[in-house]
Protein backbone atom coordinates (compact mmCIF):
# COMPACT_ATOMS: atom_id res chain seq x y z
CA MET A 1 12.47 -13.65 -22.43
CA GLN A 2 9.94 -13.74 -19.24
CA PRO A 3 10.83 -11.03 -16.65
CA PHE A 4 12.73 -12.37 -13.63
CA GLU A 5 14.89 -11.11 -10.60
CA PHE A 6 17.72 -12.89 -9.37
CA ARG A 7 18.84 -12.29 -5.84
CA THR A 8 21.98 -13.49 -3.86
CA VAL A 9 24.42 -12.70 -1.14
CA PRO A 10 27.00 -9.85 -2.03
CA SER A 11 30.00 -11.55 -1.17
CA MET A 12 31.80 -15.09 -1.16
CA LEU A 13 35.35 -16.37 -0.63
CA VAL A 14 36.30 -19.82 -1.63
CA GLU A 15 39.42 -20.81 0.48
CA TRP A 16 40.74 -24.12 1.50
CA SER A 17 41.75 -23.55 5.44
CA GLY A 18 39.98 -20.12 5.25
CA ALA A 19 38.29 -20.69 8.65
CA GLN A 20 41.63 -20.84 10.36
CA ARG A 21 42.23 -17.14 9.48
CA LEU A 22 38.55 -16.07 9.78
CA GLY A 23 39.40 -13.10 12.27
CA GLU A 24 41.66 -11.75 9.36
CA ILE A 25 39.29 -12.21 6.77
CA LEU A 26 36.40 -10.51 8.70
CA SER A 27 38.02 -7.53 10.55
CA PRO A 28 38.73 -5.56 7.14
CA ARG A 29 35.09 -6.36 5.91
CA PHE A 30 33.19 -5.28 9.32
CA THR A 31 33.51 -2.69 12.02
CA ALA A 32 31.60 -4.85 14.33
CA ARG A 33 33.77 -6.91 17.01
CA LYS A 34 31.56 -8.83 19.20
CA ALA A 35 30.72 -11.90 17.69
CA LEU A 36 28.38 -14.84 18.34
CA ILE A 37 29.15 -18.15 16.69
CA VAL A 38 26.21 -20.11 16.29
CA THR A 39 27.06 -23.90 15.89
CA ASP A 40 26.39 -27.34 17.30
CA GLY A 41 28.01 -29.31 20.07
CA GLY A 42 29.44 -31.77 17.81
CA LEU A 43 31.70 -29.32 16.10
CA VAL A 44 32.82 -27.97 19.45
CA LYS A 45 33.47 -31.52 20.64
CA ALA A 46 35.30 -32.43 17.50
CA GLY A 47 37.76 -29.37 18.10
CA LEU A 48 36.72 -27.51 15.02
CA LEU A 49 36.04 -24.25 16.89
CA LYS A 50 39.22 -23.80 18.65
CA PRO A 51 41.69 -22.24 15.89
CA ILE A 52 38.65 -20.12 14.65
CA GLU A 53 38.00 -18.74 17.95
CA LYS A 54 41.79 -18.22 18.51
CA ASN A 55 42.00 -16.35 15.01
CA LEU A 56 39.16 -14.02 15.84
CA HIS A 57 40.30 -13.26 19.19
CA ASP A 58 43.87 -12.46 17.81
CA SER A 59 42.22 -10.20 15.36
CA GLY A 60 40.26 -8.30 17.98
CA PHE A 61 36.95 -9.93 18.09
CA ASP A 62 35.26 -10.82 21.40
CA VAL A 63 33.73 -14.23 20.81
CA VAL A 64 30.62 -15.82 22.59
CA VAL A 65 29.81 -19.44 21.40
CA PHE A 66 26.18 -20.72 21.31
CA ASP A 67 26.68 -24.48 20.60
CA GLN A 68 22.89 -25.64 21.32
CA VAL A 69 21.75 -26.18 17.85
CA ILE A 70 20.20 -29.43 16.83
CA ALA A 71 18.78 -30.98 13.80
CA ASP A 72 15.36 -29.80 12.99
CA PRO A 73 15.78 -26.97 15.45
CA PRO A 74 12.70 -25.84 17.33
CA GLU A 75 11.76 -22.32 18.27
CA ALA A 76 13.11 -22.35 21.79
CA ILE A 77 16.78 -22.52 20.53
CA VAL A 78 16.27 -19.56 18.30
CA LEU A 79 14.85 -17.43 21.09
CA GLU A 80 17.77 -18.61 23.40
CA ALA A 81 20.40 -17.49 20.83
CA ALA A 82 18.56 -14.55 20.22
CA ARG A 83 18.40 -13.67 24.05
CA ILE A 84 22.12 -14.24 24.61
CA ALA A 85 22.90 -11.86 21.44
CA ARG A 86 20.83 -9.36 23.28
CA ASP A 87 22.42 -9.85 26.77
CA LYS A 88 25.96 -10.00 25.45
CA HIS A 89 25.46 -6.92 23.17
CA ILE A 90 26.63 -9.02 19.92
CA ASP A 91 26.99 -7.04 16.94
CA ILE A 92 27.95 -9.59 14.44
CA VAL A 93 26.36 -13.20 13.93
CA ILE A 94 28.52 -16.24 12.27
CA GLY A 95 26.84 -19.09 11.43
CA LEU A 96 29.24 -22.24 11.53
CA GLY A 97 27.69 -25.92 10.69
CA GLY A 98 24.98 -27.69 8.64
CA GLY A 99 21.89 -25.99 7.66
CA SER A 100 20.30 -26.12 10.89
CA SER A 101 23.21 -23.98 12.42
CA LEU A 102 22.97 -21.51 9.38
CA ASP A 103 19.00 -21.08 9.66
CA VAL A 104 19.29 -20.45 13.45
CA ALA A 105 22.01 -17.69 12.87
CA LYS A 106 19.74 -16.14 10.21
CA LEU A 107 16.92 -15.78 12.92
CA THR A 108 19.11 -14.92 15.69
CA ALA A 109 20.80 -12.06 13.44
CA ILE A 110 17.11 -10.75 13.12
CA LEU A 111 15.45 -11.11 16.56
CA ALA A 112 18.52 -9.74 18.37
CA GLN A 113 17.73 -6.53 17.15
CA SER A 114 13.99 -6.59 16.22
CA GLU A 115 10.78 -5.94 18.09
CA GLN A 116 9.08 -8.50 15.91
CA GLU A 117 8.03 -12.00 17.53
CA LEU A 118 9.22 -15.00 15.90
CA SER A 119 5.69 -16.03 15.21
CA GLY A 120 5.26 -12.83 13.19
CA LEU A 121 8.16 -13.80 10.78
CA TYR A 122 6.92 -17.02 9.26
CA GLY A 123 5.81 -16.77 5.79
CA ILE A 124 7.14 -14.68 2.74
CA ASP A 125 8.47 -11.15 3.20
CA ASN A 126 7.16 -10.77 6.87
CA VAL A 127 10.67 -9.44 8.25
CA LEU A 128 10.46 -5.69 9.10
CA GLY A 129 13.64 -3.74 9.37
CA GLU A 130 17.10 -4.74 9.16
CA ARG A 131 19.52 -7.37 11.05
CA LEU A 132 22.65 -7.70 12.62
CA PRO A 133 25.87 -8.48 10.27
CA LEU A 134 25.80 -12.18 9.28
CA VAL A 135 28.35 -14.37 8.12
CA GLN A 136 27.88 -17.90 7.19
CA ILE A 137 30.22 -20.77 6.96
CA PRO A 138 28.56 -24.13 6.23
CA THR A 139 30.37 -27.36 7.37
CA THR A 140 28.17 -29.55 5.24
CA ALA A 141 27.83 -29.65 1.44
CA GLY A 142 24.29 -29.75 0.92
CA THR A 143 21.55 -27.44 2.12
CA GLY A 144 22.88 -24.42 0.38
CA SER A 145 21.53 -22.37 3.50
CA GLU A 146 24.47 -20.02 3.14
CA VAL A 147 23.20 -18.62 -0.06
CA THR A 148 19.38 -18.67 0.81
CA ASN A 149 16.70 -16.21 2.09
CA ILE A 150 15.15 -18.98 3.93
CA ALA A 151 15.09 -20.54 7.57
CA ILE A 152 13.06 -23.66 8.36
CA LEU A 153 12.04 -24.25 12.07
CA THR A 154 10.17 -27.02 13.78
CA THR A 155 7.15 -25.30 15.35
CA GLY A 156 5.08 -28.44 16.83
CA GLU A 157 5.63 -32.03 17.24
CA THR A 158 5.55 -32.86 13.28
CA THR A 159 5.22 -29.56 11.73
CA LYS A 160 7.82 -27.25 10.13
CA MET A 161 7.26 -23.57 9.15
CA GLY A 162 9.56 -21.13 6.83
CA VAL A 163 10.66 -17.61 7.12
CA VAL A 164 11.45 -16.15 3.65
CA SER A 165 12.81 -12.89 3.33
CA ARG A 166 15.59 -10.74 1.97
CA GLN A 167 17.05 -9.96 5.17
CA LEU A 168 17.99 -13.76 5.57
CA TYR A 169 20.61 -13.36 2.73
CA CYS A 170 23.83 -13.03 4.82
CA ASP A 171 26.70 -10.39 4.18
CA PHE A 172 29.43 -12.77 3.59
CA VAL A 173 30.03 -16.48 3.01
CA LEU A 174 33.23 -18.52 3.83
CA LEU A 175 33.31 -21.87 1.77
CA ASP A 176 36.21 -23.74 3.37
CA ALA A 177 35.97 -27.25 2.30
CA GLU A 178 38.47 -28.36 4.77
CA LEU A 179 35.72 -28.14 7.24
CA THR A 180 33.88 -30.72 5.41
CA VAL A 181 36.71 -33.44 5.45
CA GLY A 182 35.51 -35.06 8.60
CA LEU A 183 31.84 -35.64 7.55
CA PRO A 184 30.90 -39.13 7.60
CA ALA A 185 29.87 -41.01 4.31
CA THR A 186 26.49 -41.09 5.18
CA HIS A 187 26.13 -37.52 5.98
CA THR A 188 28.23 -36.66 2.80
CA ALA A 189 25.90 -38.62 0.59
CA ALA A 190 22.72 -37.49 2.15
CA THR A 191 23.77 -33.75 2.01
CA GLY A 192 25.16 -34.09 -1.43
CA ILE A 193 22.12 -35.87 -2.69
CA ASP A 194 20.04 -33.00 -0.99
CA ALA A 195 21.98 -30.48 -3.39
CA MET A 196 21.55 -32.31 -6.44
CA VAL A 197 17.59 -32.21 -5.63
CA HIS A 198 18.04 -28.31 -5.19
CA ALA A 199 19.55 -28.24 -8.46
CA ILE A 200 17.16 -30.48 -10.40
CA GLU A 201 14.07 -28.82 -8.63
CA SER A 202 15.14 -25.54 -9.28
CA TYR A 203 15.86 -26.30 -13.40
CA THR A 204 12.19 -27.68 -13.45
CA SER A 205 10.54 -25.22 -11.34
CA LYS A 206 7.25 -24.20 -12.82
CA HIS A 207 7.02 -20.32 -12.11
CA LYS A 208 10.36 -18.86 -11.61
CA LYS A 209 12.67 -20.83 -13.65
CA ASN A 210 15.06 -18.60 -15.20
CA PRO A 211 18.39 -18.42 -17.15
CA LEU A 212 20.82 -17.86 -14.13
CA SER A 213 19.34 -20.27 -11.80
CA ASP A 214 19.32 -22.53 -14.76
CA ALA A 215 23.30 -22.05 -15.39
CA LEU A 216 24.03 -22.46 -11.44
CA ALA A 217 21.69 -25.58 -11.28
CA ARG A 218 23.57 -27.31 -14.25
CA GLU A 219 27.01 -26.63 -13.05
CA ALA A 220 26.05 -27.60 -9.43
CA LEU A 221 24.81 -31.03 -10.82
CA ARG A 222 27.97 -31.27 -12.75
CA LEU A 223 30.27 -30.84 -9.92
CA ILE A 224 28.44 -32.92 -7.44
CA SER A 225 27.28 -35.67 -9.76
CA GLN A 226 31.23 -36.18 -10.52
CA HIS A 227 32.79 -35.93 -7.47
CA LEU A 228 30.04 -37.36 -4.69
CA VAL A 229 30.92 -41.04 -4.91
CA THR A 230 34.56 -40.06 -4.49
CA ALA A 231 33.83 -37.99 -1.52
CA CYS A 232 31.88 -40.87 0.20
CA HIS A 233 34.56 -43.36 -0.48
CA ASP A 234 37.53 -41.13 0.12
CA GLY A 235 36.32 -38.43 2.69
CA SER A 236 40.08 -36.46 2.51
CA ASN A 237 39.85 -36.09 -1.37
CA ARG A 238 40.41 -32.18 -1.45
CA GLN A 239 39.13 -31.97 -5.11
CA ALA A 240 36.00 -33.94 -4.47
CA ARG A 241 35.17 -32.05 -1.03
CA GLU A 242 35.79 -28.64 -2.74
CA SER A 243 33.79 -29.64 -5.73
CA ILE A 244 30.65 -30.72 -3.96
CA LEU A 245 30.82 -27.83 -1.53
CA LEU A 246 30.97 -25.15 -4.33
CA GLY A 247 28.33 -27.47 -6.15
CA ALA A 248 25.91 -27.19 -3.06
CA THR A 249 26.52 -23.66 -2.83
CA LEU A 250 25.65 -22.86 -6.66
CA ALA A 251 22.68 -24.94 -6.21
CA GLY A 252 21.72 -22.83 -3.12
CA GLN A 253 21.69 -19.82 -5.51
CA ALA A 254 19.73 -21.64 -8.05
CA PHE A 255 16.75 -22.69 -5.90
CA ALA A 256 16.69 -19.44 -3.87
CA ASN A 257 15.36 -17.67 -7.05
CA SER A 258 13.62 -20.64 -8.81
CA PRO A 259 12.18 -22.72 -5.75
CA VAL A 260 12.10 -26.44 -5.04
CA ALA A 261 9.18 -28.68 -5.34
CA ALA A 262 7.52 -31.99 -4.69
CA VAL A 263 10.74 -33.77 -3.80
CA HIS A 264 10.94 -31.34 -0.81
CA ALA A 265 7.07 -31.22 -0.06
CA LEU A 266 7.19 -34.95 0.57
CA ALA A 267 10.46 -35.01 2.42
CA TYR A 268 9.40 -32.61 5.16
CA PRO A 269 6.70 -34.94 6.62
CA LEU A 270 9.35 -37.74 6.97
CA GLY A 271 11.51 -35.35 9.02
CA GLY A 272 8.71 -34.32 10.93
CA HIS A 273 7.35 -37.54 12.04
CA TYR A 274 10.41 -39.68 11.96
CA HIS A 275 13.39 -37.32 12.40
CA ILE A 276 14.94 -38.52 9.30
CA PRO A 277 17.75 -35.80 8.29
CA HIS A 278 16.34 -33.42 5.67
CA GLY A 279 19.19 -34.56 2.93
CA LEU A 280 18.16 -38.36 3.42
CA SER A 281 14.69 -37.78 3.08
CA ASN A 282 15.06 -35.91 -0.23
CA ALA A 283 17.16 -38.73 -1.33
CA LEU A 284 14.61 -41.61 -0.35
CA MET A 285 11.81 -39.53 -2.51
CA LEU A 286 13.87 -38.30 -5.48
CA GLY A 287 13.63 -41.17 -7.64
CA VAL A 288 9.85 -41.80 -7.43
CA VAL A 289 9.18 -38.03 -7.87
CA LEU A 290 11.44 -37.91 -10.95
CA ARG A 291 9.75 -40.68 -12.72
CA TYR A 292 6.08 -39.05 -11.68
CA ASN A 293 7.49 -35.73 -13.17
CA ALA A 294 8.76 -37.03 -16.35
CA LYS A 295 5.50 -36.86 -18.25
CA VAL A 296 6.00 -33.11 -18.23
CA ALA A 297 9.60 -32.43 -17.24
CA ALA A 298 11.08 -34.99 -19.89
CA PRO A 299 12.55 -32.37 -21.88
CA LEU A 300 14.29 -30.96 -19.16
CA TYR A 301 15.40 -33.99 -17.50
CA ALA A 302 16.78 -34.75 -21.26
CA GLU A 303 18.88 -31.54 -21.02
CA LEU A 304 20.26 -32.59 -17.53
CA ALA A 305 21.31 -35.96 -19.13
CA ASP A 306 23.93 -33.80 -20.86
CA VAL A 307 25.28 -32.45 -17.75
CA LEU A 308 25.64 -36.14 -16.51
CA ASN A 309 27.09 -37.08 -19.84
CA VAL A 310 24.51 -40.10 -20.44
CA GLY A 311 21.92 -40.63 -23.00
CA LYS A 312 23.97 -38.78 -25.78
CA LYS A 313 21.89 -40.71 -28.47
CA GLY A 314 18.29 -41.02 -28.64
CA ASP A 315 14.97 -39.10 -28.33
CA ILE A 316 13.74 -37.27 -25.35
CA PRO A 317 11.98 -39.90 -23.54
CA THR A 318 15.41 -42.15 -23.85
CA ARG A 319 17.50 -39.37 -22.81
CA CYS A 320 15.09 -38.46 -19.76
CA ASN A 321 15.08 -42.14 -18.67
CA ALA A 322 18.96 -42.06 -18.85
CA PHE A 323 19.14 -39.20 -16.73
CA ILE A 324 16.64 -40.88 -14.09
CA ASP A 325 18.79 -43.94 -14.07
CA ALA A 326 21.90 -42.19 -13.65
CA MET A 327 20.62 -40.23 -10.80
CA ILE A 328 19.59 -43.53 -9.08
CA SER A 329 22.91 -44.96 -9.93
CA ILE A 330 24.81 -42.20 -8.20
CA MET A 331 22.40 -42.63 -5.16
CA ASP A 332 22.92 -46.34 -5.04
CA GLU A 333 26.73 -45.81 -5.18
CA SER A 334 27.05 -43.07 -2.55
CA GLY A 335 25.79 -45.68 0.12
CA ALA A 336 22.86 -43.46 1.20
CA PRO A 337 19.65 -45.68 2.48
CA ARG A 338 17.38 -46.17 -0.59
CA ARG A 339 13.80 -47.23 0.95
CA LEU A 340 11.41 -45.79 3.48
CA ARG A 341 11.28 -49.11 5.22
CA ASP A 342 15.06 -49.10 5.50
CA VAL A 343 15.06 -46.14 7.93
CA GLY A 344 11.90 -47.19 10.11
CA VAL A 345 9.05 -45.61 8.30
CA LYS A 346 6.01 -47.81 9.09
CA GLU A 347 3.77 -48.38 6.18
CA ASP A 348 0.47 -47.79 8.17
CA THR A 349 1.60 -44.16 8.59
CA LEU A 350 2.20 -43.26 4.73
CA ALA A 351 -1.51 -41.95 4.46
CA LEU A 352 -0.58 -39.70 7.40
CA LEU A 353 2.44 -38.44 5.65
CA ALA A 354 0.60 -37.86 2.36
CA SER A 355 -1.75 -35.70 4.33
CA ASP A 356 0.90 -33.74 5.83
CA ALA A 357 2.49 -33.32 2.39
CA MET A 358 -0.23 -31.45 1.03
CA LYS A 359 0.21 -28.71 3.66
CA GLN A 360 3.46 -27.89 1.79
CA THR A 361 1.54 -25.45 -0.68
CA ARG A 362 4.49 -23.13 -0.78
CA LEU A 363 6.49 -26.09 -2.49
CA LEU A 364 3.93 -28.12 -4.29
CA THR A 365 2.87 -25.01 -6.45
CA ASN A 366 6.25 -25.05 -8.12
CA ASN A 367 6.18 -28.84 -9.28
CA PRO A 368 5.87 -29.30 -12.94
CA VAL A 369 3.17 -31.76 -12.51
CA GLU A 370 0.06 -31.35 -9.80
CA VAL A 371 0.51 -33.46 -6.75
CA LYS A 372 -2.90 -34.62 -5.24
CA GLU A 373 -3.12 -36.43 -1.85
CA ALA A 374 -3.75 -39.55 -3.61
CA ASP A 375 -0.56 -39.01 -5.82
CA ALA A 376 1.40 -38.18 -2.64
CA LEU A 377 0.26 -41.61 -0.99
CA ALA A 378 1.16 -43.54 -4.25
CA LEU A 379 4.68 -41.72 -4.42
CA TYR A 380 5.23 -42.80 -0.71
CA GLN A 381 3.98 -46.42 -1.55
CA GLN A 382 6.53 -46.66 -4.58
CA ALA A 383 9.40 -45.43 -2.28
CA PHE A 384 8.61 -47.80 0.70
């Protein structure tokens, strides 16, 4: 067996309606009592925060809400959240929302008590010292950010950069699938497909694939593939919501230790140039990358066919094709847009997207097949 290290968060609670008693859950676990909730305006408008805030207050917490997070958050949002945390003497940060809110919460917990500049954190293991206590509560079933050591920010007009460091693993995760019930079908589809991409790319990752990540990736794929279409068509189905939220978290644990690859590398420029949501951009690129990688990854895709319960009979190429066909069928049934042209991408920008994708060296190195710029362009053309 190859040596490997596996890291994840120290504690996780899975509880339907758990957010309604967040104060009761956190008060015995932490001595901190000045909480900053990092979230977005949509959740505040939807009334999601009121009962959570009340229970925190009733349990002895002072609560400040920062609700300025937007999709693909720029650096200014993190800097403002960190400023508020320092000014209000915050001693615990609670991320509540989709991946963007959870990522902002991670960096806020670091910058609130660090002398480091944000620009000095980018890259791998550049965070010095410790952070404030950090709790993460996802309201989408997709990014897995609640259990990863990664935060992604928008750093220019079209560019994104990542901070990867052990300090970004939070102290406590609450998985309350009731929070995901109001998620529209299109968001449910895109974030669920994003999570399946995490599982698949972790399972085929070139350098850090390991038995623990593999087990988590397989179970994540099983849970989400079985329940995603149901959740898209019946958003109040509790079993479906709980299954895909847990699946997304398991996939996050998998790819935090066995990193993602070309699907994500090709997805990021779509977000940068066209502001296509991250999950949807992954969904748009998944099918073409699966077929491209099959020349090397076919044996692994054949194993994943077993997880989806397809291609039971046949040789490796047959089972591999059955897996790819099944994934495409799930995406079709989920109702997510399927072509780049359907989401406003212009054909004359594909070369620019391919050039930008080449900057994602951190991700491309994990792909089972090398992707050069000409390959990236061909993949965008196939997805168009």
